[in-house]
Amino acid sequence: MNIFASNEYKAVDGLLNETYQAVKVKISPDDFKQLITSELKWLKEVEDYYKVYEQQGFCTIGSLVHSEYECNMRNFRTLLLMLYF
């Protein structure tokens, strides 16, 4: 399961990066500044979650819980970026 989760994460993260690069070249400089602000806020939310996650102590299932969250966050962010198209 860990291998599957790792492969899923790589695929989802790759799609997020591809989408970000496509949006970055398409939008105006002002929109890009707003995108950067939004990205920084999103990264802070991911970081804040991780701090809470570390305190929970999910035992052996923890890595899968964390991986699922990371994939969901990246999928959601990708969908938000797609709104620029």
C-alpha atoms as a PDB file:
ATOM      1  CA  MET A   1       0.000   0.000   0.000  1.00  0.00           C
ATOM      2  CA  ASN A   2       2.863   2.360   0.713  1.00  0.00           C
ATOM      3  CA  ILE A   3       4.193   1.907  -2.823  1.00  0.00           C
ATOM      4  CA  PHE A   4       0.751   2.651  -4.270  1.00  0.00           C
ATOM      5  CA  ALA A   5       0.415   5.731  -2.054  1.00  0.00           C
ATOM      6  CA  SER A   6       3.862   6.935  -3.095  1.00  0.00           C
ATOM      7  CA  ASN A   7       3.071   6.481  -6.784  1.00  0.00           C
ATOM      8  CA  GLU A   8      -0.271   8.254  -6.387  1.00  0.00           C
ATOM      9  CA  TYR A   9       1.418  11.175  -4.647  1.00  0.00           C
ATOM     10  CA  LYS A  10       4.033  11.490  -7.406  1.00  0.00           C
ATOM     11  CA  ALA A  11       1.323  11.514 -10.088  1.00  0.00           C
ATOM     12  CA  VAL A  12      -0.864  14.051  -8.275  1.00  0.00           C
ATOM     13  CA  ASP A  13       2.089  16.295  -7.444  1.00  0.00           C
ATOM     14  CA  GLY A  14       3.290  16.125 -11.045  1.00  0.00           C
ATOM     15  CA  LEU A  15      -0.112  17.187 -12.335  1.00  0.00           C
ATOM     16  CA  LEU A  16      -0.176  20.080  -9.863  1.00  0.00           C
ATOM     17  CA  ASN A  17       3.252  21.258 -11.035  1.00  0.00           C
ATOM     18  CA  GLU A  18       2.300  20.961 -14.714  1.00  0.00           C
ATOM     19  CA  THR A  19      -0.921  22.877 -14.134  1.00  0.00           C
ATOM     20  CA  TYR A  20       0.890  25.592 -12.182  1.00  0.00           C
ATOM     21  CA  GLN A  21       3.439  26.055 -14.981  1.00  0.00           C
ATOM     22  CA  ALA A  22       0.667  26.248 -17.594  1.00  0.00           C
ATOM     23  CA  VAL A  23      -1.242  28.839 -15.575  1.00  0.00           C
ATOM     24  CA  LYS A  24       1.887  30.853 -14.813  1.00  0.00           C
ATOM     25  CA  VAL A  25       2.595  31.560 -18.489  1.00  0.00           C
ATOM     26  CA  LYS A  26      -1.050  32.312 -19.286  1.00  0.00           C
ATOM     27  CA  ILE A  27      -1.962  34.930 -16.688  1.00  0.00           C
ATOM     28  CA  SER A  28      -1.130  38.618 -16.389  1.00  0.00           C
ATOM     29  CA  PRO A  29       1.614  39.876 -14.054  1.00  0.00           C
ATOM     30  CA  ASP A  30      -0.995  41.205 -11.604  1.00  0.00           C
ATOM     31  CA  ASP A  31      -2.822  37.891 -11.552  1.00  0.00           C
ATOM     32  CA  PHE A  32       0.514  36.147 -11.072  1.00  0.00           C
ATOM     33  CA  LYS A  33       1.180  38.242  -7.952  1.00  0.00           C
ATOM     34  CA  GLN A  34      -2.195  37.167  -6.588  1.00  0.00           C
ATOM     35  CA  LEU A  35      -1.377  33.570  -7.477  1.00  0.00           C
ATOM     36  CA  ILE A  36       1.883  33.756  -5.523  1.00  0.00           C
ATOM     37  CA  THR A  37       0.026  35.143  -2.501  1.00  0.00           C
ATOM     38  CA  SER A  38      -2.507  32.342  -2.813  1.00  0.00           C
ATOM     39  CA  GLU A  39       0.250  29.738  -3.145  1.00  0.00           C
ATOM     40  CA  LEU A  40       1.989  30.975  -0.008  1.00  0.00           C
ATOM     41  CA  LYS A  41      -1.278  30.810   1.916  1.00  0.00           C
ATOM     42  CA  TRP A  42      -1.901  27.276   0.651  1.00  0.00           C
ATOM     43  CA  LEU A  43       1.613  26.144   1.612  1.00  0.00           C
ATOM     44  CA  LYS A  44       1.074  27.576   5.106  1.00  0.00           C
ATOM     45  CA  GLU A  45      -2.167  25.597   5.436  1.00  0.00           C
ATOM     46  CA  VAL A  46      -0.377  22.403   4.386  1.00  0.00           C
ATOM     47  CA  GLU A  47       2.383  23.135   6.897  1.00  0.00           C
ATOM     48  CA  ASP A  48      -0.130  23.837   9.678  1.00  0.00           C
ATOM     49  CA  TYR A  49      -1.881  20.551   8.973  1.00  0.00           C
ATOM     50  CA  TYR A  50       1.393  18.684   9.185  1.00  0.00           C
ATOM     51  CA  LYS A  51       2.083  20.115  12.640  1.00  0.00           C
ATOM     52  CA  VAL A  52      -1.313  18.852  13.831  1.00  0.00           C
ATOM     53  CA  TYR A  53      -0.808  15.521  12.074  1.00  0.00           C
ATOM     54  CA  GLU A  54       2.514  14.952  13.841  1.00  0.00           C
ATOM     55  CA  GLN A  55       0.829  15.398  17.232  1.00  0.00           C
ATOM     56  CA  GLN A  56      -1.885  12.810  16.539  1.00  0.00           C
ATOM     57  CA  GLY A  57       0.265   9.688  16.541  1.00  0.00           C
ATOM     58  CA  PHE A  58      -1.651   7.573  14.036  1.00  0.00           C
ATOM     59  CA  CYS A  59       0.689   4.576  14.514  1.00  0.00           C
ATOM     60  CA  THR A  60       1.200   2.366  11.464  1.00  0.00           C
ATOM     61  CA  ILE A  61      -1.710   3.801   9.478  1.00  0.00           C
ATOM     62  CA  GLY A  62      -0.268   7.293   9.880  1.00  0.00           C
ATOM     63  CA  SER A  63       1.745   7.311   6.690  1.00  0.00           C
ATOM     64  CA  LEU A  64      -1.332   6.393   4.643  1.00  0.00           C
ATOM     65  CA  VAL A  65      -3.477   9.016   6.395  1.00  0.00           C
ATOM     66  CA  HIS A  66      -0.840  11.631   5.681  1.00  0.00           C
ATOM     67  CA  SER A  67      -0.361  10.534   2.075  1.00  0.00           C
ATOM     68  CA  GLU A  68      -4.105  10.653   1.428  1.00  0.00           C
ATOM     69  CA  TYR A  69      -4.281  14.171   2.863  1.00  0.00           C
ATOM     70  CA  GLU A  70      -1.336  15.323   0.752  1.00  0.00           C
ATOM     71  CA  CYS A  71      -2.939  13.909  -2.398  1.00  0.00           C
ATOM     72  CA  ASN A  72      -6.302  15.475  -1.596  1.00  0.00           C
ATOM     73  CA  MET A  73      -4.709  18.881  -0.967  1.00  0.00           C
ATOM     74  CA  ARG A  74      -2.818  18.721  -4.253  1.00  0.00           C
ATOM     75  CA  ASN A  75      -5.884  17.585  -6.187  1.00  0.00           C
ATOM     76  CA  PHE A  76      -7.884  20.460  -4.722  1.00  0.00           C
ATOM     77  CA  ARG A  77      -5.137  22.966  -5.509  1.00  0.00           C
ATOM     78  CA  THR A  78      -4.908  21.640  -9.072  1.00  0.00           C
ATOM     79  CA  LEU A  79      -8.648  22.138  -9.526  1.00  0.00           C
ATOM     80  CA  LEU A  80      -8.368  25.701  -8.237  1.00  0.00           C
ATOM     81  CA  LEU A  81      -5.558  26.408 -10.665  1.00  0.00           C
ATOM     82  CA  MET A  82      -7.616  24.994 -13.528  1.00  0.00           C
ATOM     83  CA  LEU A  83     -10.143  27.763 -12.931  1.00  0.00           C
ATOM     84  CA  TYR A  84      -7.624  30.109 -14.591  1.00  0.00           C
ATOM     85  CA  PHE A  85      -8.239  28.330 -17.909  1.00  0.00           C
END
